[in-house]
C-alpha atoms as a PDB file:
ATOM      1  CA  MET A   1     201.932 -37.219 108.340  1.00  0.00           C
ATOM      2  CA  MET A   2     199.807 -40.124 109.850  1.00  0.00           C
ATOM      3  CA  ASN A   3     196.501 -41.134 108.498  1.00  0.00           C
ATOM      4  CA  TYR A   4     194.326 -41.011 111.900  1.00  0.00           C
ATOM      5  CA  SER A   5     191.285 -42.880 110.189  1.00  0.00           C
ATOM      6  CA  LYS A   6     193.268 -45.973 110.697  1.00  0.00           C
ATOM      7  CA  LEU A   7     193.561 -45.579 114.350  1.00  0.00           C
ATOM      8  CA  SER A   8     191.898 -48.318 116.316  1.00  0.00           C
ATOM      9  CA  ALA A   9     189.498 -46.855 119.231  1.00  0.00           C
ATOM     10  CA  ASP A  10     191.813 -48.666 122.050  1.00  0.00           C
ATOM     11  CA  SER A  11     194.724 -46.343 120.164  1.00  0.00           C
ATOM     12  CA  GLN A  12     196.870 -44.086 122.475  1.00  0.00           C
ATOM     13  CA  ILE A  13     197.458 -41.669 119.540  1.00  0.00           C
ATOM     14  CA  SER A  14     194.562 -39.253 118.515  1.00  0.00           C
ATOM     15  CA  PRO A  15     194.647 -35.790 117.024  1.00  0.00           C
ATOM     16  CA  ARG A  16     194.288 -32.838 119.226  1.00  0.00           C
ATOM     17  CA  THR A  17     191.004 -31.303 119.565  1.00  0.00           C
ATOM     18  CA  LYS A  18     191.235 -27.373 118.020  1.00  0.00           C
ATOM     19  CA  LYS A  19     190.258 -25.314 120.363  1.00  0.00           C
ATOM     20  CA  LYS A  20     188.455 -21.959 120.086  1.00  0.00           C
ATOM     21  CA  PHE A  21     188.985 -18.839 122.068  1.00  0.00           C
ATOM     22  CA  ALA A  22     187.911 -15.348 122.161  1.00  0.00           C
ATOM     23  CA  LEU A  23     187.757 -12.086 123.960  1.00  0.00           C
ATOM     24  CA  ILE A  24     185.133  -9.532 123.357  1.00  0.00           C
ATOM     25  CA  VAL A  25     184.841  -6.265 124.817  1.00  0.00           C
ATOM     26  CA  GLY A  26     182.310  -3.731 124.616  1.00  0.00           C
ATOM     27  CA  PHE A  27     182.520  -0.449 126.292  1.00  0.00           C
ATOM     28  CA  GLU A  28     179.775   2.318 126.968  1.00  0.00           C
ATOM     29  CA  TYR A  29     182.251   4.652 128.482  1.00  0.00           C
ATOM     30  CA  PRO A  30     179.374   5.911 131.015  1.00  0.00           C
ATOM     31  CA  LYS A  31     182.039   7.776 133.327  1.00  0.00           C
ATOM     32  CA  ASP A  32     185.004   8.234 131.633  1.00  0.00           C
ATOM     33  CA  LYS A  33     186.129  12.167 131.043  1.00  0.00           C
ATOM     34  CA  HIS A  34     187.890  11.186 127.695  1.00  0.00           C
ATOM     35  CA  ASN A  35     185.325   9.391 125.933  1.00  0.00           C
ATOM     36  CA  PRO A  36     181.535  10.215 125.306  1.00  0.00           C
ATOM     37  CA  PRO A  37     179.233   7.871 126.319  1.00  0.00           C
ATOM     38  CA  ILE A  38     177.834   5.789 123.289  1.00  0.00           C
ATOM     39  CA  THR A  39     175.004   3.129 123.747  1.00  0.00           C
ATOM     40  CA  GLY A  40     175.257  -0.263 122.298  1.00  0.00           C
ATOM     41  CA  PRO A  41     178.707  -1.851 122.702  1.00  0.00           C
ATOM     42  CA  ALA A  42     177.649  -3.939 125.398  1.00  0.00           C
ATOM     43  CA  LEU A  43     174.765  -5.662 123.938  1.00  0.00           C
ATOM     44  CA  SER A  44     176.693  -5.791 120.727  1.00  0.00           C
ATOM     45  CA  SER A  45     179.169  -7.336 122.518  1.00  0.00           C
ATOM     46  CA  GLU A  46     176.868  -9.536 124.031  1.00  0.00           C
ATOM     47  CA  ASN A  47     175.613 -10.597 120.931  1.00  0.00           C
ATOM     48  CA  PHE A  48     178.542 -11.740 119.240  1.00  0.00           C
ATOM     49  CA  LYS A  49     179.153 -13.472 122.336  1.00  0.00           C
ATOM     50  CA  GLN A  50     176.191 -16.008 121.767  1.00  0.00           C
ATOM     51  CA  LEU A  51     176.585 -15.959 117.930  1.00  0.00           C
ATOM     52  CA  LEU A  52     180.141 -17.549 118.743  1.00  0.00           C
ATOM     53  CA  ILE A  53     178.526 -19.887 120.852  1.00  0.00           C
ATOM     54  CA  ASP A  54     175.136 -20.670 119.138  1.00  0.00           C
ATOM     55  CA  ASP A  55     176.809 -20.492 115.551  1.00  0.00           C
ATOM     56  CA  PHE A  56     180.133 -21.451 115.822  1.00  0.00           C
ATOM     57  CA  GLY A  57     180.406 -23.903 118.862  1.00  0.00           C
ATOM     58  CA  PHE A  58     182.739 -21.678 120.938  1.00  0.00           C
ATOM     59  CA  LEU A  59     182.458 -23.047 124.692  1.00  0.00           C
ATOM     60  CA  PRO A  60     181.416 -20.502 127.308  1.00  0.00           C
ATOM     61  CA  ALA A  61     184.409 -21.278 129.697  1.00  0.00           C
ATOM     62  CA  ASN A  62     186.841 -20.300 126.421  1.00  0.00           C
ATOM     63  CA  ILE A  63     185.083 -16.859 126.074  1.00  0.00           C
ATOM     64  CA  THR A  64     186.255 -13.908 128.079  1.00  0.00           C
ATOM     65  CA  HIS A  65     183.805 -10.747 127.923  1.00  0.00           C
ATOM     66  CA  ILE A  66     184.537  -7.404 129.062  1.00  0.00           C
ATOM     67  CA  THR A  67     182.171  -4.607 129.580  1.00  0.00           C
ATOM     68  CA  ASP A  68     182.182  -1.180 132.046  1.00  0.00           C
ATOM     69  CA  GLU A  69     178.921  -2.024 132.630  1.00  0.00           C
ATOM     70  CA  GLY A  70     178.150  -1.111 136.407  1.00  0.00           C
ATOM     71  CA  CYS A  71     181.775  -0.569 136.687  1.00  0.00           C
ATOM     72  CA  SER A  72     183.135   2.857 138.239  1.00  0.00           C
ATOM     73  CA  HIS A  73     185.203   3.213 135.577  1.00  0.00           C
ATOM     74  CA  THR A  74     185.624   1.877 132.296  1.00  0.00           C
ATOM     75  CA  PRO A  75     188.839  -0.733 132.102  1.00  0.00           C
ATOM     76  CA  THR A  76     192.255   0.554 130.607  1.00  0.00           C
ATOM     77  CA  ASP A  77     194.269  -1.161 127.818  1.00  0.00           C
ATOM     78  CA  GLU A  78     196.168  -2.833 130.677  1.00  0.00           C
ATOM     79  CA  LYS A  79     193.221  -5.181 131.434  1.00  0.00           C
ATOM     80  CA  ILE A  80     192.274  -5.997 128.047  1.00  0.00           C
ATOM     81  CA  LEU A  81     196.153  -6.504 127.274  1.00  0.00           C
ATOM     82  CA  LYS A  82     196.532  -9.095 130.148  1.00  0.00           C
ATOM     83  CA  GLU A  83     193.310 -10.887 129.238  1.00  0.00           C
ATOM     84  CA  LEU A  84     194.816 -10.829 125.372  1.00  0.00           C
ATOM     85  CA  ILE A  85     198.086 -12.489 126.638  1.00  0.00           C
ATOM     86  CA  VAL A  86     196.181 -15.011 128.995  1.00  0.00           C
ATOM     87  CA  MET A  87     194.351 -15.631 126.050  1.00  0.00           C
ATOM     88  CA  VAL A  88     196.995 -16.292 123.457  1.00  0.00           C
ATOM     89  CA  LYS A  89     199.168 -18.136 125.859  1.00  0.00           C
ATOM     90  CA  LYS A  90     196.713 -20.594 126.182  1.00  0.00           C
ATOM     91  CA  ALA A  91     196.004 -21.306 122.356  1.00  0.00           C
ATOM     92  CA  LYS A  92     198.194 -23.903 120.035  1.00  0.00           C
ATOM     93  CA  PRO A  93     198.917 -24.153 116.788  1.00  0.00           C
ATOM     94  CA  LEU A  94     195.657 -24.652 114.504  1.00  0.00           C
ATOM     95  CA  ASP A  95     193.393 -23.131 117.709  1.00  0.00           C
ATOM     96  CA  THR A  96     191.157 -20.208 116.577  1.00  0.00           C
ATOM     97  CA  VAL A  97     191.625 -16.799 118.228  1.00  0.00           C
ATOM     98  CA  VAL A  98     189.135 -14.214 118.025  1.00  0.00           C
ATOM     99  CA  PHE A  99     189.437 -10.434 119.650  1.00  0.00           C
ATOM    100  CA  PHE A 100     186.160  -8.537 118.816  1.00  0.00           C
ATOM    101  CA  PHE A 101     186.130  -4.978 120.233  1.00  0.00           C
ATOM    102  CA  CYS A 102     182.889  -2.469 120.187  1.00  0.00           C
ATOM    103  CA  GLY A 103     183.722   1.066 121.510  1.00  0.00           C
ATOM    104  CA  HIS A 104     185.402   4.011 120.185  1.00  0.00           C
ATOM    105  CA  GLY A 105     188.683   3.992 118.139  1.00  0.00           C
ATOM    106  CA  GLY A 106     190.536   6.689 115.725  1.00  0.00           C
ATOM    107  CA  ARG A 107     193.305   7.147 114.056  1.00  0.00           C
ATOM    108  CA  TYR A 108     195.734   9.844 113.749  1.00  0.00           C
ATOM    109  CA  LYS A 109     198.534  11.091 110.649  1.00  0.00           C
ATOM    110  CA  GLY A 110     201.083   8.794 111.341  1.00  0.00           C
ATOM    111  CA  ASN A 111     203.894   5.827 110.587  1.00  0.00           C
ATOM    112  CA  TYR A 112     203.387   3.078 112.715  1.00  0.00           C
ATOM    113  CA  ASN A 113     204.079  -0.567 111.290  1.00  0.00           C
ATOM    114  CA  ASN A 114     202.153   0.428 108.328  1.00  0.00           C
ATOM    115  CA  ASP A 115     201.469   1.966 105.164  1.00  0.00           C
ATOM    116  CA  SER A 116     198.577   3.783 105.500  1.00  0.00           C
ATOM    117  CA  GLY A 117     200.430   7.057 106.597  1.00  0.00           C
ATOM    118  CA  PHE A 118     197.892   6.497 109.912  1.00  0.00           C
ATOM    119  CA  VAL A 119     197.824   5.216 113.006  1.00  0.00           C
ATOM    120  CA  GLU A 120     194.719   3.602 114.104  1.00  0.00           C
ATOM    121  CA  PHE A 121     193.859   2.957 117.998  1.00  0.00           C
ATOM    122  CA  LEU A 122     190.865   1.746 120.163  1.00  0.00           C
ATOM    123  CA  SER A 123     190.039   4.103 122.791  1.00  0.00           C
ATOM    124  CA  THR A 124     190.167   2.513 126.480  1.00  0.00           C
ATOM    125  CA  GLY A 125     189.304   3.721 129.510  1.00  0.00           C
ATOM    126  CA  THR A 126     190.819   6.324 131.798  1.00  0.00           C
ATOM    127  CA  ARG A 127     193.784   5.312 134.741  1.00  0.00           C
ATOM    128  CA  PRO A 128     193.136   6.674 137.888  1.00  0.00           C
ATOM    129  CA  ASP A 129     195.548   9.444 137.338  1.00  0.00           C
ATOM    130  CA  GLY A 130     193.279  10.475 134.252  1.00  0.00           C
ATOM    131  CA  THR A 131     195.728   9.475 131.725  1.00  0.00           C
ATOM    132  CA  GLN A 132     193.883   8.196 128.867  1.00  0.00           C
ATOM    133  CA  THR A 133     194.422   4.751 127.435  1.00  0.00           C
ATOM    134  CA  TYR A 134     194.010   3.457 124.415  1.00  0.00           C
ATOM    135  CA  ILE A 135     195.588   0.378 122.352  1.00  0.00           C
ATOM    136  CA  ARG A 136     197.564   0.683 119.119  1.00  0.00           C
ATOM    137  CA  GLY A 137     199.983  -1.329 116.627  1.00  0.00           C
ATOM    138  CA  MET A 138     198.218  -3.995 116.711  1.00  0.00           C
ATOM    139  CA  PHE A 139     196.486  -3.828 113.060  1.00  0.00           C
END
Protein backbone atom coordinates (compact mmCIF):
# COMPACT_ATOMS: atom_id res chain seq x y z
CA MET A 1 0.00 0.00 0.00
CA MET A 2 1.32 3.43 -0.93
CA ASN A 3 1.89 6.01 1.78
CA TYR A 4 0.32 9.12 0.25
CA SER A 5 1.46 11.38 3.09
CA LYS A 6 5.06 11.25 1.74
CA LEU A 7 4.12 12.47 -1.76
CA SER A 8 5.12 15.98 -2.75
CA ALA A 9 2.62 18.54 -3.98
CA ASP A 10 4.13 18.16 -7.47
CA SER A 11 3.58 14.41 -7.58
CA GLN A 12 1.52 12.87 -10.37
CA ILE A 13 0.13 10.25 -7.98
CA SER A 14 -2.67 11.20 -5.65
CA PRO A 15 -5.51 9.29 -4.03
CA ARG A 16 -8.81 9.46 -5.87
CA THR A 17 -11.34 11.66 -4.15
CA LYS A 18 -14.28 9.58 -2.98
CA LYS A 19 -17.56 10.73 -4.46
CA LYS A 20 -21.06 10.62 -3.07
CA PHE A 21 -24.12 9.88 -5.22
CA ALA A 22 -27.80 9.79 -4.33
CA LEU A 23 -31.08 8.89 -6.00
CA ILE A 24 -33.97 10.34 -4.02
CA VAL A 25 -37.61 9.53 -4.84
CA GLY A 26 -40.69 11.14 -3.30
CA PHE A 27 -44.10 10.07 -4.66
CA GLU A 28 -47.49 11.41 -3.53
CA TYR A 29 -49.53 9.66 -6.29
CA PRO A 30 -51.89 12.59 -6.98
CA LYS A 31 -53.34 11.09 -10.18
CA ASP A 32 -52.48 7.40 -9.90
CA LYS A 33 -55.39 4.99 -10.18
CA HIS A 34 -53.70 2.14 -8.25
CA ASN A 35 -52.27 4.12 -5.32
CA PRO A 36 -54.22 6.46 -3.05
CA PRO A 37 -52.73 9.96 -2.77
CA ILE A 38 -50.58 10.71 0.26
CA THR A 39 -49.17 13.96 1.58
CA GLY A 40 -45.59 14.46 2.62
CA PRO A 41 -43.19 12.42 0.44
CA ALA A 42 -42.28 15.33 -1.85
CA LEU A 43 -41.34 17.50 1.15
CA SER A 44 -39.65 14.62 2.98
CA SER A 45 -37.55 13.78 -0.06
CA GLU A 46 -36.58 17.44 -0.52
CA ASN A 47 -35.59 17.65 3.17
CA PHE A 48 -33.52 14.47 2.82
CA LYS A 49 -31.77 15.97 -0.22
CA GLN A 50 -30.89 19.10 1.79
CA LEU A 51 -29.64 16.95 4.66
CA LEU A 52 -27.25 15.11 2.32
CA ILE A 53 -25.97 18.43 0.94
CA ASP A 54 -25.76 20.41 4.19
CA ASP A 55 -24.69 17.73 6.68
CA PHE A 56 -22.96 15.04 4.61
CA GLY A 57 -21.21 16.99 1.85
CA PHE A 58 -23.05 15.62 -1.18
CA LEU A 59 -22.74 17.79 -4.28
CA PRO A 60 -26.12 18.82 -5.75
CA ALA A 61 -24.86 17.73 -9.19
CA ASN A 62 -24.49 14.16 -7.86
CA ILE A 63 -28.06 13.94 -6.57
CA THR A 64 -30.99 12.90 -8.75
CA HIS A 65 -34.34 13.81 -7.21
CA ILE A 66 -37.53 12.35 -8.71
CA THR A 67 -41.00 13.42 -7.59
CA ASP A 68 -44.45 13.35 -9.15
CA GLU A 69 -45.20 16.98 -8.30
CA GLY A 70 -46.71 18.72 -11.30
CA CYS A 71 -46.59 15.54 -13.40
CA SER A 72 -49.49 14.14 -15.37
CA HIS A 73 -48.65 10.72 -13.87
CA THR A 74 -46.38 9.17 -11.25
CA PRO A 75 -43.12 7.94 -12.80
CA THR A 76 -42.94 4.18 -13.25
CA ASP A 77 -40.42 1.57 -12.22
CA GLU A 78 -38.58 2.06 -15.53
CA LYS A 79 -37.66 5.67 -14.71
CA ILE A 80 -36.37 4.82 -11.25
CA LEU A 81 -34.41 1.76 -12.36
CA LYS A 82 -32.88 3.70 -15.27
CA GLU A 83 -31.66 6.43 -12.91
CA LEU A 84 -30.42 3.85 -10.39
CA ILE A 85 -28.35 2.13 -13.09
CA VAL A 86 -26.90 5.49 -14.23
CA MET A 87 -25.90 6.30 -10.65
CA VAL A 88 -24.33 2.91 -9.96
CA LYS A 89 -22.34 3.06 -13.21
CA LYS A 90 -20.88 6.44 -12.18
CA ALA A 91 -19.78 5.11 -8.81
CA LYS A 92 -16.36 3.59 -8.25
CA PRO A 93 -15.13 1.41 -5.38
CA LEU A 94 -15.26 3.24 -2.02
CA ASP A 95 -17.75 5.85 -3.30
CA THR A 96 -20.96 6.35 -1.35
CA VAL A 97 -24.26 5.49 -3.05
CA VAL A 98 -27.60 6.32 -1.41
CA PHE A 99 -31.08 5.30 -2.58
CA PHE A 100 -33.99 6.91 -0.70
CA PHE A 101 -37.65 6.15 -1.48
CA CYS A 102 -40.59 7.89 0.17
CA GLY A 103 -43.99 6.67 -0.99
CA HIS A 104 -46.17 3.57 -0.92
CA GLY A 105 -44.74 0.12 -0.51
CA GLY A 106 -45.72 -3.15 0.99
CA ARG A 107 -45.20 -6.86 1.13
CA TYR A 108 -47.05 -10.02 0.30
CA LYS A 109 -46.65 -13.67 1.27
CA GLY A 110 -44.04 -15.33 -0.90
CA ASN A 111 -40.40 -16.28 -1.11
CA TYR A 112 -38.26 -13.98 -3.25
CA ASN A 113 -34.53 -14.04 -2.44
CA ASN A 114 -35.01 -13.79 1.29
CA ASP A 115 -35.89 -15.89 4.30
CA SER A 116 -38.67 -13.68 5.66
CA GLY A 117 -41.51 -15.46 3.86
CA PHE A 118 -42.55 -12.14 2.28
CA VAL A 119 -41.80 -10.23 -0.89
CA GLU A 120 -41.23 -6.53 -0.21
CA PHE A 121 -41.89 -3.91 -2.89
CA LEU A 122 -41.92 -0.18 -3.62
CA SER A 123 -45.05 1.03 -5.38
CA THR A 124 -44.32 3.18 -8.42
CA GLY A 125 -46.60 4.72 -11.06
CA THR A 126 -49.14 3.30 -13.48
CA ARG A 127 -48.19 2.82 -17.15
CA PRO A 128 -50.36 4.39 -19.88
CA ASP A 129 -51.91 0.94 -20.52
CA GLY A 130 -53.12 0.88 -16.88
CA THR A 131 -50.54 -1.59 -15.58
CA GLN A 132 -49.42 -0.90 -12.03
CA THR A 133 -45.65 -0.91 -11.59
CA TYR A 134 -43.50 -1.67 -8.60
CA ILE A 135 -39.92 -2.49 -7.73
CA ARG A 136 -39.07 -5.65 -5.83
CA GLY A 137 -36.09 -7.85 -5.21
CA MET A 138 -33.72 -5.07 -4.15
CA PHE A 139 -34.06 -5.67 -0.42
